[in-house]
Amino acid sequence: MGNKDTSFQKTRPIRLGEKLLDFSRPVIMGILNLTPDSFFDGGKYSQPDQWLLQTRKMLEEGAEIIDLGAMSTRPGAEMISEEEELARLIPPLKLLKREFKDTLFSIDTFRSRVAMHCVDEGAQMINDVSGGNFDPLMFATVAKLKLTYVLMHMHGMPKVMQKDPISTDVISKLRSFFEAKVAELHKLGATDIILDPGFGFGKTLACNFQLLRNMEKIRIEQLPILVGVSRKSMINKVLHTQPSEALNGTTVLHTLSLLHGANLLRVHNVKEAREAVDLVTYYRTEGSCED
């Protein structure tokens, strides 16, 4: 078939554990929130049977990575102690690694000590919302342990990031941020890096959509881009919905993200995200005919 769009295949492969992700198909990362106060499903997964059921469900529906988070970073969120974060993370991680031995686990943390403890329990990826800004030892830790690292952009701290969000020059600001941070990581020896624009983290609504339209302009060194828009306020502010009502809006933004270069989707609802991936992949690779 003619006129195939293969631009998404130009992304650099990333080593994740024993696997090499080449992103010939976009990858789904399923969210397992272990927090009592996350903006959508806080407190929903607090018991061992809930951890197991939700993880099994996400894997069966097509998630390739499970992302465990123990501290909410929603706008206005309060920080918890390192000890509390570890107490929330380690028991489920141990249990899930025993039950799902071959599964790839990511840890949503900005603390290097939390990262080290979780790697000892089998995690292979660190998803750092601060982009290394909250813990000066994070980059060195990632490099030393040869971890896959999600480098996310956040403007300000979670508690106040939406009080003075970025409102101009968002593309140039994020590109400069990624260039500087990736150079720093490379200097330390880290190579498996994923970029995350940080939708909703200290940007205005207009800037979030500007980022969505122009993701290829912030991609550097052909690194993969992760998008996390699931049920976020950039949907609800436009549609006048609540997070619980935002599944359809999420799927629309997932589709747009894939069309604009996303290589990974971090999602609450794996089945619907996988359907978006399947349809966009077909559209880009097979969806043409010739007489």
Protein backbone atom coordinates (compact mmCIF):
# COMPACT_ATOMS: atom_id res chain seq x y z
CA MET A 1 0.00 0.00 0.00
CA GLY A 2 1.25 3.48 -0.79
CA ASN A 3 1.71 6.72 1.11
CA LYS A 4 2.60 5.14 4.42
CA ASP A 5 3.57 7.50 7.23
CA THR A 6 6.62 6.03 8.97
CA SER A 7 7.86 9.21 10.69
CA PHE A 8 7.15 7.76 14.13
CA GLN A 9 9.72 5.02 13.47
CA LYS A 10 12.60 7.54 13.56
CA THR A 11 12.60 7.55 17.37
CA ARG A 12 15.71 6.23 19.11
CA PRO A 13 15.24 2.79 20.73
CA ILE A 14 15.39 2.67 24.53
CA ARG A 15 16.63 -0.18 26.71
CA LEU A 16 14.16 -0.99 29.50
CA GLY A 17 15.28 -3.86 31.70
CA GLU A 18 16.03 -6.76 29.38
CA LYS A 19 13.83 -5.37 26.62
CA LEU A 20 14.60 -2.98 23.78
CA LEU A 21 11.67 -0.70 22.94
CA ASP A 22 11.93 0.45 19.32
CA PHE A 23 8.59 2.33 19.32
CA SER A 24 7.54 0.95 15.96
CA ARG A 25 4.25 0.87 17.85
CA PRO A 26 3.47 3.35 20.64
CA VAL A 27 3.74 1.90 24.13
CA ILE A 28 1.13 2.00 26.90
CA MET A 29 2.11 2.74 30.51
CA GLY A 30 -0.65 1.90 32.97
CA ILE A 31 -0.98 3.98 36.14
CA LEU A 32 -1.28 2.33 39.55
CA ASN A 33 -1.85 5.13 42.07
CA LEU A 34 -0.98 4.17 45.63
CA THR A 35 -1.97 7.57 47.00
CA PRO A 36 -5.04 8.56 49.02
CA ASP A 37 -5.28 11.97 47.34
CA SER A 38 -4.63 11.69 43.59
CA PHE A 39 -6.93 13.83 41.46
CA PHE A 40 -8.78 10.90 39.85
CA ASP A 41 -8.40 7.54 41.63
CA GLY A 42 -6.77 8.42 44.96
CA GLY A 43 -7.44 5.79 47.62
CA LYS A 44 -8.86 3.28 45.15
CA TYR A 45 -5.87 0.92 45.23
CA SER A 46 -4.82 0.62 48.86
CA GLN A 47 -5.03 -3.13 49.48
CA PRO A 48 -3.05 -6.10 48.09
CA ASP A 49 -6.00 -7.63 46.28
CA GLN A 50 -6.68 -4.28 44.60
CA TRP A 51 -3.04 -3.94 43.50
CA LEU A 52 -3.13 -7.41 41.96
CA LEU A 53 -6.51 -7.08 40.25
CA GLN A 54 -5.80 -3.69 38.71
CA THR A 55 -2.32 -4.64 37.54
CA ARG A 56 -3.57 -7.87 35.98
CA LYS A 57 -6.39 -5.97 34.27
CA MET A 58 -4.01 -3.37 32.80
CA LEU A 59 -1.59 -6.03 31.57
CA GLU A 60 -4.37 -8.08 29.98
CA GLU A 61 -5.69 -4.96 28.24
CA GLY A 62 -2.31 -4.17 26.70
CA ALA A 63 -0.12 -2.20 29.10
CA GLU A 64 3.58 -2.91 28.62
CA ILE A 65 4.76 -0.87 31.64
CA ILE A 66 3.13 -0.38 35.05
CA ASP A 67 3.88 2.96 36.72
CA LEU A 68 3.61 2.98 40.53
CA GLY A 69 3.20 6.32 42.28
CA ALA A 70 2.94 6.93 46.01
CA MET A 71 2.79 10.74 46.22
CA SER A 72 0.29 12.93 44.43
CA THR A 73 1.74 15.72 42.28
CA ARG A 74 -1.62 17.23 41.30
CA PRO A 75 -1.82 21.05 41.51
CA GLY A 76 -1.93 22.04 45.18
CA ALA A 77 -0.63 18.69 46.44
CA GLU A 78 1.31 18.53 49.69
CA MET A 79 4.62 16.68 49.91
CA ILE A 80 4.90 13.54 52.04
CA SER A 81 8.03 12.29 53.76
CA GLU A 82 10.50 9.97 52.09
CA GLU A 83 9.68 7.30 54.69
CA GLU A 84 5.97 7.51 53.92
CA GLU A 85 6.61 7.30 50.19
CA LEU A 86 8.71 4.15 50.64
CA ALA A 87 6.14 2.63 53.00
CA ARG A 88 3.48 3.06 50.30
CA LEU A 89 5.69 1.79 47.45
CA ILE A 90 7.76 -1.15 48.61
CA PRO A 91 5.03 -3.63 49.73
CA PRO A 92 3.03 -3.42 46.47
CA LEU A 93 6.18 -3.47 44.34
CA LYS A 94 7.43 -6.62 46.08
CA LEU A 95 4.07 -8.32 45.70
CA LEU A 96 3.63 -7.34 42.06
CA LYS A 97 7.14 -8.41 41.08
CA ARG A 98 6.49 -11.85 42.60
CA GLU A 99 3.17 -12.19 40.79
CA PHE A 100 4.17 -10.62 37.45
CA LYS A 101 7.84 -11.57 37.12
CA ASP A 102 8.38 -10.40 33.54
CA THR A 103 6.50 -7.11 33.86
CA LEU A 104 8.30 -3.80 33.48
CA PHE A 105 7.75 -1.52 36.48
CA SER A 106 8.28 2.24 36.58
CA ILE A 107 8.40 4.28 39.79
CA ASP A 108 6.92 7.78 39.83
CA THR A 109 9.31 9.58 42.21
CA PHE A 110 11.69 12.52 42.29
CA ARG A 111 13.79 11.13 45.18
CA SER A 112 17.03 9.29 44.46
CA ARG A 113 16.88 7.23 47.65
CA VAL A 114 13.37 6.04 46.82
CA ALA A 115 14.61 5.19 43.33
CA MET A 116 17.48 3.10 44.72
CA HIS A 117 15.23 1.14 47.08
CA CYS A 118 12.72 0.43 44.32
CA VAL A 119 15.42 -0.71 41.89
CA ASP A 120 16.57 -3.16 44.57
CA GLU A 121 13.03 -4.58 44.46
CA GLY A 122 13.00 -4.94 40.67
CA ALA A 123 11.89 -1.60 39.18
CA GLN A 124 13.56 -0.72 35.86
CA MET A 125 12.40 2.85 35.19
CA ILE A 126 12.23 6.11 37.12
CA ASN A 127 9.53 8.61 36.18
CA ASP A 128 10.67 11.94 37.66
CA VAL A 129 8.13 14.76 37.49
CA SER A 130 10.76 17.27 38.59
CA GLY A 131 13.23 16.59 35.79
CA GLY A 132 16.00 16.27 38.36
CA ASN A 133 15.28 19.64 39.96
CA PHE A 134 14.07 18.39 43.37
CA ASP A 135 16.93 16.01 44.19
CA PRO A 136 20.48 16.90 43.11
CA LEU A 137 21.50 13.23 43.35
CA MET A 138 18.84 11.87 40.99
CA PHE A 139 20.79 12.18 37.73
CA ALA A 140 23.91 10.55 39.19
CA THR A 141 21.76 7.76 40.65
CA VAL A 142 20.04 7.09 37.34
CA ALA A 143 23.39 7.01 35.54
CA LYS A 144 25.07 4.75 38.10
CA LEU A 145 22.20 2.25 38.11
CA LYS A 146 21.82 2.45 34.30
CA LEU A 147 18.09 3.08 34.61
CA THR A 148 15.62 4.20 32.02
CA TYR A 149 14.67 7.74 33.01
CA VAL A 150 11.59 9.79 32.21
CA LEU A 151 12.67 13.43 32.18
CA MET A 152 9.58 15.56 32.76
CA HIS A 153 9.26 19.32 32.67
CA MET A 154 7.53 20.99 35.61
CA HIS A 155 7.33 24.73 36.16
CA GLY A 156 7.47 25.42 39.89
CA MET A 157 6.39 23.15 42.75
CA PRO A 158 3.18 21.09 42.74
CA LYS A 159 1.60 23.13 45.52
CA VAL A 160 1.90 26.42 43.61
CA MET A 161 2.69 25.52 39.98
CA GLN A 162 -0.65 26.72 38.62
CA LYS A 163 -0.52 30.08 40.42
CA ASP A 164 2.08 31.46 38.01
CA PRO A 165 2.12 29.06 35.03
CA ILE A 166 4.10 29.41 31.83
CA SER A 167 2.02 31.54 29.48
CA THR A 168 4.45 32.44 26.66
CA ASP A 169 7.26 30.86 24.61
CA VAL A 170 6.43 27.40 25.90
CA ILE A 171 8.09 25.57 23.00
CA SER A 172 11.42 27.37 23.27
CA LYS A 173 11.41 27.07 27.07
CA LEU A 174 10.83 23.33 27.01
CA ARG A 175 13.33 22.73 24.22
CA SER A 176 16.00 24.64 26.16
CA PHE A 177 15.14 22.68 29.30
CA PHE A 178 15.45 19.32 27.54
CA GLU A 179 18.68 20.27 25.77
CA ALA A 180 20.34 21.29 29.03
CA LYS A 181 19.07 18.35 31.09
CA VAL A 182 19.84 15.69 28.47
CA ALA A 183 23.36 17.07 28.09
CA GLU A 184 23.79 16.82 31.87
CA LEU A 185 22.52 13.25 31.91
CA HIS A 186 24.77 12.23 29.02
CA LYS A 187 27.79 13.73 30.77
CA LEU A 188 27.10 11.45 33.74
CA GLY A 189 26.66 8.42 31.50
CA ALA A 190 22.87 8.09 31.31
CA THR A 191 21.63 7.15 27.84
CA ASP A 192 18.10 5.69 28.05
CA ILE A 193 16.07 8.88 28.37
CA ILE A 194 12.41 9.59 27.63
CA LEU A 195 11.07 13.14 27.34
CA ASP A 196 7.80 14.19 28.98
CA PRO A 197 6.43 17.70 28.26
CA GLY A 198 4.57 17.70 31.58
CA PHE A 199 1.07 18.56 30.43
CA GLY A 200 -0.71 20.42 33.23
CA PHE A 201 2.43 20.97 35.27
CA GLY A 202 2.76 24.75 35.43
CA LYS A 203 1.42 25.69 31.99
CA THR A 204 -1.69 27.59 30.97
CA LEU A 205 -4.46 25.81 29.11
CA ALA A 206 -3.42 27.49 25.86
CA CYS A 207 0.21 26.46 26.37
CA ASN A 208 -0.81 22.85 26.98
CA PHE A 209 -2.54 22.75 23.61
CA GLN A 210 0.35 24.60 21.96
CA LEU A 211 2.63 21.84 23.24
CA LEU A 212 0.28 19.17 21.96
CA ARG A 213 0.33 20.65 18.45
CA ASN A 214 4.11 21.07 18.39
CA MET A 215 5.60 18.09 20.18
CA GLU A 216 8.08 17.35 17.41
CA LYS A 217 9.60 20.80 18.00
CA ILE A 218 10.62 19.82 21.54
CA ARG A 219 12.01 16.41 20.59
CA ILE A 220 15.81 16.35 20.76
CA GLU A 221 18.27 13.62 19.71
CA GLN A 222 15.36 11.51 18.40
CA LEU A 223 14.42 10.63 21.99
CA PRO A 224 10.95 9.15 22.62
CA ILE A 225 8.21 11.36 24.02
CA LEU A 226 5.84 10.28 26.77
CA VAL A 227 2.45 11.96 27.07
CA GLY A 228 0.41 12.04 30.26
CA VAL A 229 -2.95 13.72 29.67
CA SER A 230 -5.28 11.11 31.13
CA ARG A 231 -8.35 12.80 32.69
CA LYS A 232 -6.40 16.04 33.28
CA SER A 233 -7.71 19.57 33.65
CA MET A 234 -6.82 20.50 30.06
CA ILE A 235 -9.72 18.22 29.12
CA ASN A 236 -12.09 19.26 31.87
CA LYS A 237 -11.59 23.00 31.42
CA VAL A 238 -12.62 22.75 27.77
CA LEU A 239 -15.48 20.25 28.18
CA HIS A 240 -16.65 21.47 31.64
CA THR A 241 -16.35 17.95 33.00
CA GLN A 242 -14.93 16.29 36.10
CA PRO A 243 -12.06 13.76 35.95
CA SER A 244 -14.58 10.93 36.40
CA GLU A 245 -16.35 12.10 33.21
CA ALA A 246 -13.22 12.65 31.11
CA LEU A 247 -12.61 9.25 29.50
CA ASN A 248 -13.91 10.28 26.08
CA GLY A 249 -11.94 13.52 26.17
CA THR A 250 -8.86 11.56 27.22
CA THR A 251 -9.18 9.27 24.21
CA VAL A 252 -9.47 12.25 21.89
CA LEU A 253 -6.28 13.79 23.29
CA HIS A 254 -4.51 10.42 23.17
CA THR A 255 -5.35 10.21 19.49
CA LEU A 256 -4.08 13.73 18.84
CA SER A 257 -0.94 13.00 20.86
CA LEU A 258 -0.19 9.92 18.79
CA LEU A 259 -0.71 11.83 15.55
CA HIS A 260 1.69 14.54 16.79
CA GLY A 261 4.50 12.18 17.74
CA ALA A 262 3.83 10.57 21.14
CA ASN A 263 5.68 7.27 21.62
CA LEU A 264 4.32 6.38 25.06
CA LEU A 265 0.97 7.08 26.70
CA ARG A 266 0.68 7.13 30.50
CA VAL A 267 -2.96 6.21 31.17
CA HIS A 268 -5.60 5.27 33.70
CA ASN A 269 -7.72 3.33 31.18
CA VAL A 270 -5.59 0.92 29.18
CA LYS A 271 -8.24 -0.65 26.93
CA GLU A 272 -9.35 2.65 25.44
CA ALA A 273 -5.75 3.86 25.03
CA ARG A 274 -4.80 0.60 23.29
CA GLU A 275 -7.69 1.04 20.86
CA ALA A 276 -6.44 4.54 20.05
CA VAL A 277 -2.95 3.13 19.46
CA ASP A 278 -4.30 0.36 17.22
CA LEU A 279 -6.37 2.72 15.11
CA VAL A 280 -3.66 5.37 14.73
CA THR A 281 -1.05 2.72 13.91
CA TYR A 282 -3.32 1.29 11.20
CA TYR A 283 -4.09 4.78 9.90
CA ARG A 284 -0.40 5.61 9.63
CA THR A 285 0.85 2.34 8.18
CA GLU A 286 -1.96 0.57 6.34
CA GLY A 287 -4.81 2.97 5.87
CA SER A 288 -4.46 3.67 2.15
CA CYS A 289 -5.50 2.00 -1.07
CA GLU A 290 -4.73 2.43 -4.74
CA ASP A 291 -6.84 1.65 -7.80
